[in-house]
């Protein structure tokens, strides 16, 4: 089906797709802005690697670490969760953030396993969906700022809650 679709796509699609690689190579357009923001974020991290510049301060402080046209632009986010968290809270905060998300992934995995062993299909599905959602946030954090999204924190809470329910239900059935 995918091979068939590639033959049916209009020529405008291929023109647009062929323009992406040169833009990335020359660091132009939105990709270039992201790269410059990431470089400013790395400079912020180098300036205060342990404590960072303070929560929520990337949008304000990036102007001090940017060069050229970025200085005159308005409020910005880092467009990378890991650079943003490290720039704002240092490596300590980044480590805690990553630890918490990985712990939530572990809890969702444990919940899915316990629910599967206990024959609780709905709870297993809930745990797997939570795990998939957390993975999506981790991957989208590479090119987007997701640490402030409520959905991420809701999924982390659901992962811990589903784990408690699955383990408690499994203990009751044993």
C-alpha atoms as a PDB file:
ATOM      1  CA  UNK A   1       0.000   0.000   0.000  1.00  0.00           C
ATOM      2  CA  UNK A   2       2.853   2.407   0.850  1.00  0.00           C
ATOM      3  CA  UNK A   3       4.582   1.704  -2.448  1.00  0.00           C
ATOM      4  CA  UNK A   4       1.346   2.375  -4.296  1.00  0.00           C
ATOM      5  CA  UNK A   5       0.772   5.619  -2.406  1.00  0.00           C
ATOM      6  CA  UNK A   6       4.255   6.891  -3.328  1.00  0.00           C
ATOM      7  CA  UNK A   7       3.343   6.627  -7.013  1.00  0.00           C
ATOM      8  CA  UNK A   8       0.070   8.494  -6.485  1.00  0.00           C
ATOM      9  CA  UNK A   9       1.520  11.506  -4.631  1.00  0.00           C
ATOM     10  CA  UNK A  10       1.505  14.782  -6.558  1.00  0.00           C
ATOM     11  CA  UNK A  11       4.750  16.293  -7.816  1.00  0.00           C
ATOM     12  CA  UNK A  12       4.341  19.183  -5.351  1.00  0.00           C
ATOM     13  CA  UNK A  13       4.945  16.727  -2.509  1.00  0.00           C
ATOM     14  CA  UNK A  14       8.278  15.638  -3.985  1.00  0.00           C
ATOM     15  CA  UNK A  15       9.307  19.258  -4.629  1.00  0.00           C
ATOM     16  CA  UNK A  16       8.624  20.092  -0.973  1.00  0.00           C
ATOM     17  CA  UNK A  17      10.331  16.928   0.308  1.00  0.00           C
ATOM     18  CA  UNK A  18      13.447  17.598  -1.765  1.00  0.00           C
ATOM     19  CA  UNK A  19      13.760  21.069  -0.231  1.00  0.00           C
ATOM     20  CA  UNK A  20      13.980  19.732   3.339  1.00  0.00           C
ATOM     21  CA  UNK A  21      17.520  18.296   3.246  1.00  0.00           C
ATOM     22  CA  UNK A  22      19.190  21.483   1.897  1.00  0.00           C
ATOM     23  CA  UNK A  23      17.372  23.563   4.529  1.00  0.00           C
ATOM     24  CA  UNK A  24      18.656  21.245   7.271  1.00  0.00           C
ATOM     25  CA  UNK A  25      22.163  21.295   5.833  1.00  0.00           C
ATOM     26  CA  UNK A  26      22.247  25.118   5.678  1.00  0.00           C
ATOM     27  CA  UNK A  27      20.350  25.451   8.984  1.00  0.00           C
ATOM     28  CA  UNK A  28      17.721  27.766   7.539  1.00  0.00           C
ATOM     29  CA  UNK A  29      14.057  28.382   8.296  1.00  0.00           C
ATOM     30  CA  UNK A  30      12.507  26.775  11.365  1.00  0.00           C
ATOM     31  CA  UNK A  31      15.210  24.129  11.626  1.00  0.00           C
ATOM     32  CA  UNK A  32      17.893  26.802  11.689  1.00  0.00           C
ATOM     33  CA  UNK A  33      16.037  28.672  14.417  1.00  0.00           C
ATOM     34  CA  UNK A  34      15.870  25.473  16.457  1.00  0.00           C
ATOM     35  CA  UNK A  35      19.591  24.838  16.049  1.00  0.00           C
ATOM     36  CA  UNK A  36      20.389  28.390  17.166  1.00  0.00           C
ATOM     37  CA  UNK A  37      18.077  28.000  20.168  1.00  0.00           C
ATOM     38  CA  UNK A  38      19.767  24.700  21.063  1.00  0.00           C
ATOM     39  CA  UNK A  39      23.177  26.371  20.856  1.00  0.00           C
ATOM     40  CA  UNK A  40      21.986  29.177  23.141  1.00  0.00           C
ATOM     41  CA  UNK A  41      20.642  26.533  25.520  1.00  0.00           C
ATOM     42  CA  UNK A  42      23.967  24.725  25.543  1.00  0.00           C
ATOM     43  CA  UNK A  43      25.713  28.017  26.373  1.00  0.00           C
ATOM     44  CA  UNK A  44      23.242  28.504  29.234  1.00  0.00           C
ATOM     45  CA  UNK A  45      24.038  25.010  30.523  1.00  0.00           C
ATOM     46  CA  UNK A  46      27.778  25.687  30.295  1.00  0.00           C
ATOM     47  CA  UNK A  47      27.275  28.900  32.262  1.00  0.00           C
ATOM     48  CA  UNK A  48      25.416  27.208  35.168  1.00  0.00           C
ATOM     49  CA  UNK A  49      25.718  23.425  34.823  1.00  0.00           C
ATOM     50  CA  UNK A  50      24.623  22.430  38.334  1.00  0.00           C
ATOM     51  CA  UNK A  51      21.703  24.719  39.224  1.00  0.00           C
ATOM     52  CA  UNK A  52      20.715  26.175  35.849  1.00  0.00           C
ATOM     53  CA  UNK A  53      19.263  29.613  35.214  1.00  0.00           C
ATOM     54  CA  UNK A  54      16.024  29.061  37.108  1.00  0.00           C
ATOM     55  CA  UNK A  55      12.721  27.409  36.215  1.00  0.00           C
ATOM     56  CA  UNK A  56      10.883  29.162  33.395  1.00  0.00           C
ATOM     57  CA  UNK A  57      13.805  31.445  32.583  1.00  0.00           C
ATOM     58  CA  UNK A  58      14.851  30.023  29.205  1.00  0.00           C
ATOM     59  CA  UNK A  59      12.521  32.378  27.314  1.00  0.00           C
ATOM     60  CA  UNK A  60      13.975  35.370  29.130  1.00  0.00           C
ATOM     61  CA  UNK A  61      17.641  34.391  29.419  1.00  0.00           C
ATOM     62  CA  UNK A  62      18.212  32.913  25.955  1.00  0.00           C
ATOM     63  CA  UNK A  63      18.680  36.451  24.588  1.00  0.00           C
ATOM     64  CA  UNK A  64      21.848  36.814  26.641  1.00  0.00           C
ATOM     65  CA  UNK A  65      23.287  33.644  25.129  1.00  0.00           C
ATOM     66  CA  UNK A  66      22.076  34.118  21.544  1.00  0.00           C
ATOM     67  CA  UNK A  67      23.845  35.804  18.704  1.00  0.00           C
ATOM     68  CA  UNK A  68      22.558  37.719  15.698  1.00  0.00           C
ATOM     69  CA  UNK A  69      18.883  37.822  14.800  1.00  0.00           C
ATOM     70  CA  UNK A  70      17.809  35.693  17.775  1.00  0.00           C
ATOM     71  CA  UNK A  71      18.449  38.583  20.149  1.00  0.00           C
ATOM     72  CA  UNK A  72      15.689  40.691  18.619  1.00  0.00           C
ATOM     73  CA  UNK A  73      13.041  37.980  18.405  1.00  0.00           C
ATOM     74  CA  UNK A  74      10.262  37.612  20.966  1.00  0.00           C
ATOM     75  CA  UNK A  75       9.607  35.002  23.612  1.00  0.00           C
ATOM     76  CA  UNK A  76      10.989  31.589  22.696  1.00  0.00           C
ATOM     77  CA  UNK A  77      11.142  28.080  24.037  1.00  0.00           C
ATOM     78  CA  UNK A  78      14.116  25.774  23.563  1.00  0.00           C
ATOM     79  CA  UNK A  79      12.259  23.367  21.245  1.00  0.00           C
ATOM     80  CA  UNK A  80      14.087  20.579  23.087  1.00  0.00           C
ATOM     81  CA  UNK A  81      12.881  19.386  26.470  1.00  0.00           C
ATOM     82  CA  UNK A  82      16.247  18.094  27.613  1.00  0.00           C
ATOM     83  CA  UNK A  83      18.147  21.282  26.748  1.00  0.00           C
ATOM     84  CA  UNK A  84      15.377  23.379  28.280  1.00  0.00           C
ATOM     85  CA  UNK A  85      15.290  21.440  31.561  1.00  0.00           C
ATOM     86  CA  UNK A  86      19.092  21.387  31.820  1.00  0.00           C
ATOM     87  CA  UNK A  87      19.343  25.124  31.052  1.00  0.00           C
ATOM     88  CA  UNK A  88      16.669  26.030  33.600  1.00  0.00           C
ATOM     89  CA  UNK A  89      17.405  23.539  36.411  1.00  0.00           C
ATOM     90  CA  UNK A  90      20.925  22.314  35.668  1.00  0.00           C
ATOM     91  CA  UNK A  91      22.075  18.735  35.365  1.00  0.00           C
ATOM     92  CA  UNK A  92      20.572  18.015  38.776  1.00  0.00           C
ATOM     93  CA  UNK A  93      17.096  18.950  37.559  1.00  0.00           C
ATOM     94  CA  UNK A  94      17.601  17.159  34.244  1.00  0.00           C
ATOM     95  CA  UNK A  95      18.671  14.023  36.074  1.00  0.00           C
ATOM     96  CA  UNK A  96      15.629  14.163  38.347  1.00  0.00           C
ATOM     97  CA  UNK A  97      13.290  14.817  35.407  1.00  0.00           C
ATOM     98  CA  UNK A  98      14.671  11.896  33.384  1.00  0.00           C
ATOM     99  CA  UNK A  99      14.669   9.663  36.474  1.00  0.00           C
ATOM    100  CA  UNK A 100      11.012  10.450  37.174  1.00  0.00           C
ATOM    101  CA  UNK A 101       9.901   9.760  33.605  1.00  0.00           C
ATOM    102  CA  UNK A 102      11.919   6.526  33.449  1.00  0.00           C
ATOM    103  CA  UNK A 103      10.481   5.464  36.809  1.00  0.00           C
ATOM    104  CA  UNK A 104       6.979   6.118  35.458  1.00  0.00           C
ATOM    105  CA  UNK A 105       7.816   3.974  32.407  1.00  0.00           C
ATOM    106  CA  UNK A 106       9.016   1.201  34.713  1.00  0.00           C
ATOM    107  CA  UNK A 107       5.799   1.452  36.757  1.00  0.00           C
ATOM    108  CA  UNK A 108       3.675   1.229  33.604  1.00  0.00           C
ATOM    109  CA  UNK A 109       5.682  -1.807  32.443  1.00  0.00           C
ATOM    110  CA  UNK A 110       5.274  -3.493  35.850  1.00  0.00           C
ATOM    111  CA  UNK A 111       1.545  -2.743  35.805  1.00  0.00           C
ATOM    112  CA  UNK A 112       1.129  -4.265  32.341  1.00  0.00           C
ATOM    113  CA  UNK A 113       3.000  -7.381  33.418  1.00  0.00           C
ATOM    114  CA  UNK A 114       1.043  -7.765  36.673  1.00  0.00           C
ATOM    115  CA  UNK A 115      -2.274  -7.165  34.886  1.00  0.00           C
ATOM    116  CA  UNK A 116      -1.384  -9.721  32.207  1.00  0.00           C
ATOM    117  CA  UNK A 117      -0.571 -12.328  34.854  1.00  0.00           C
ATOM    118  CA  UNK A 118      -3.778 -11.493  36.721  1.00  0.00           C
ATOM    119  CA  UNK A 119      -5.929 -11.751  33.591  1.00  0.00           C
ATOM    120  CA  UNK A 120      -7.029  -8.098  33.781  1.00  0.00           C
ATOM    121  CA  UNK A 121      -7.080  -7.147  30.084  1.00  0.00           C
ATOM    122  CA  UNK A 122      -8.507  -3.629  30.533  1.00  0.00           C
ATOM    123  CA  UNK A 123      -5.916  -2.715  33.139  1.00  0.00           C
ATOM    124  CA  UNK A 124      -3.166  -4.175  30.970  1.00  0.00           C
ATOM    125  CA  UNK A 125      -4.335  -2.055  28.040  1.00  0.00           C
ATOM    126  CA  UNK A 126      -4.427   1.054  30.225  1.00  0.00           C
ATOM    127  CA  UNK A 127      -0.842   0.390  31.367  1.00  0.00           C
ATOM    128  CA  UNK A 128       0.396  -0.230  27.822  1.00  0.00           C
ATOM    129  CA  UNK A 129      -1.329   2.906  26.505  1.00  0.00           C
ATOM    130  CA  UNK A 130       0.235   4.911  29.344  1.00  0.00           C
ATOM    131  CA  UNK A 131       3.657   3.502  28.491  1.00  0.00           C
ATOM    132  CA  UNK A 132       3.229   4.338  24.811  1.00  0.00           C
ATOM    133  CA  UNK A 133       2.141   7.873  25.698  1.00  0.00           C
ATOM    134  CA  UNK A 134       5.222   8.364  27.874  1.00  0.00           C
ATOM    135  CA  UNK A 135       7.465   7.109  25.062  1.00  0.00           C
ATOM    136  CA  UNK A 136       5.816   9.560  22.669  1.00  0.00           C
ATOM    137  CA  UNK A 137       6.527  12.429  25.077  1.00  0.00           C
ATOM    138  CA  UNK A 138      10.162  11.305  25.468  1.00  0.00           C
ATOM    139  CA  UNK A 139      10.712  11.219  21.710  1.00  0.00           C
ATOM    140  CA  UNK A 140       8.809  14.421  20.955  1.00  0.00           C
ATOM    141  CA  UNK A 141      10.899  16.105  23.654  1.00  0.00           C
ATOM    142  CA  UNK A 142      13.853  15.934  21.253  1.00  0.00           C
ATOM    143  CA  UNK A 143      12.345  18.613  19.008  1.00  0.00           C
ATOM    144  CA  UNK A 144       9.727  20.170  21.248  1.00  0.00           C
ATOM    145  CA  UNK A 145       9.364  21.575  24.730  1.00  0.00           C
ATOM    146  CA  UNK A 146       7.022  19.145  26.515  1.00  0.00           C
ATOM    147  CA  UNK A 147       8.042  19.409  30.164  1.00  0.00           C
ATOM    148  CA  UNK A 148       5.367  22.026  30.857  1.00  0.00           C
ATOM    149  CA  UNK A 149       2.516  20.110  29.258  1.00  0.00           C
ATOM    150  CA  UNK A 150      -0.049  18.887  31.761  1.00  0.00           C
ATOM    151  CA  UNK A 151      -0.634  15.704  29.775  1.00  0.00           C
ATOM    152  CA  UNK A 152       2.891  14.495  30.501  1.00  0.00           C
ATOM    153  CA  UNK A 153       2.398  14.912  34.237  1.00  0.00           C
ATOM    154  CA  UNK A 154      -1.042  13.300  34.069  1.00  0.00           C
ATOM    155  CA  UNK A 155       0.488  10.293  32.296  1.00  0.00           C
ATOM    156  CA  UNK A 156       3.200  10.056  34.947  1.00  0.00           C
ATOM    157  CA  UNK A 157       0.504  10.037  37.641  1.00  0.00           C
ATOM    158  CA  UNK A 158      -1.539   7.447  35.740  1.00  0.00           C
ATOM    159  CA  UNK A 159       1.553   5.217  35.424  1.00  0.00           C
ATOM    160  CA  UNK A 160       2.066   5.221  39.182  1.00  0.00           C
ATOM    161  CA  UNK A 161      -1.663   4.772  39.854  1.00  0.00           C
ATOM    162  CA  UNK A 162      -2.121   1.925  37.396  1.00  0.00           C
ATOM    163  CA  UNK A 163       0.890   0.193  38.895  1.00  0.00           C
ATOM    164  CA  UNK A 164      -0.582   0.402  42.399  1.00  0.00           C
ATOM    165  CA  UNK A 165      -3.954  -0.898  41.213  1.00  0.00           C
ATOM    166  CA  UNK A 166      -2.443  -3.777  39.212  1.00  0.00           C
ATOM    167  CA  UNK A 167      -0.121  -4.883  41.998  1.00  0.00           C
ATOM    168  CA  UNK A 168      -2.859  -4.600  44.651  1.00  0.00           C
ATOM    169  CA  UNK A 169      -5.334  -6.547  42.474  1.00  0.00           C
ATOM    170  CA  UNK A 170      -2.742  -9.212  41.808  1.00  0.00           C
ATOM    171  CA  UNK A 171      -2.010  -9.602  45.529  1.00  0.00           C
ATOM    172  CA  UNK A 172      -5.737  -9.923  46.282  1.00  0.00           C
ATOM    173  CA  UNK A 173      -6.184 -12.650  43.693  1.00  0.00           C
ATOM    174  CA  UNK A 174      -3.232 -14.673  45.059  1.00  0.00           C
END
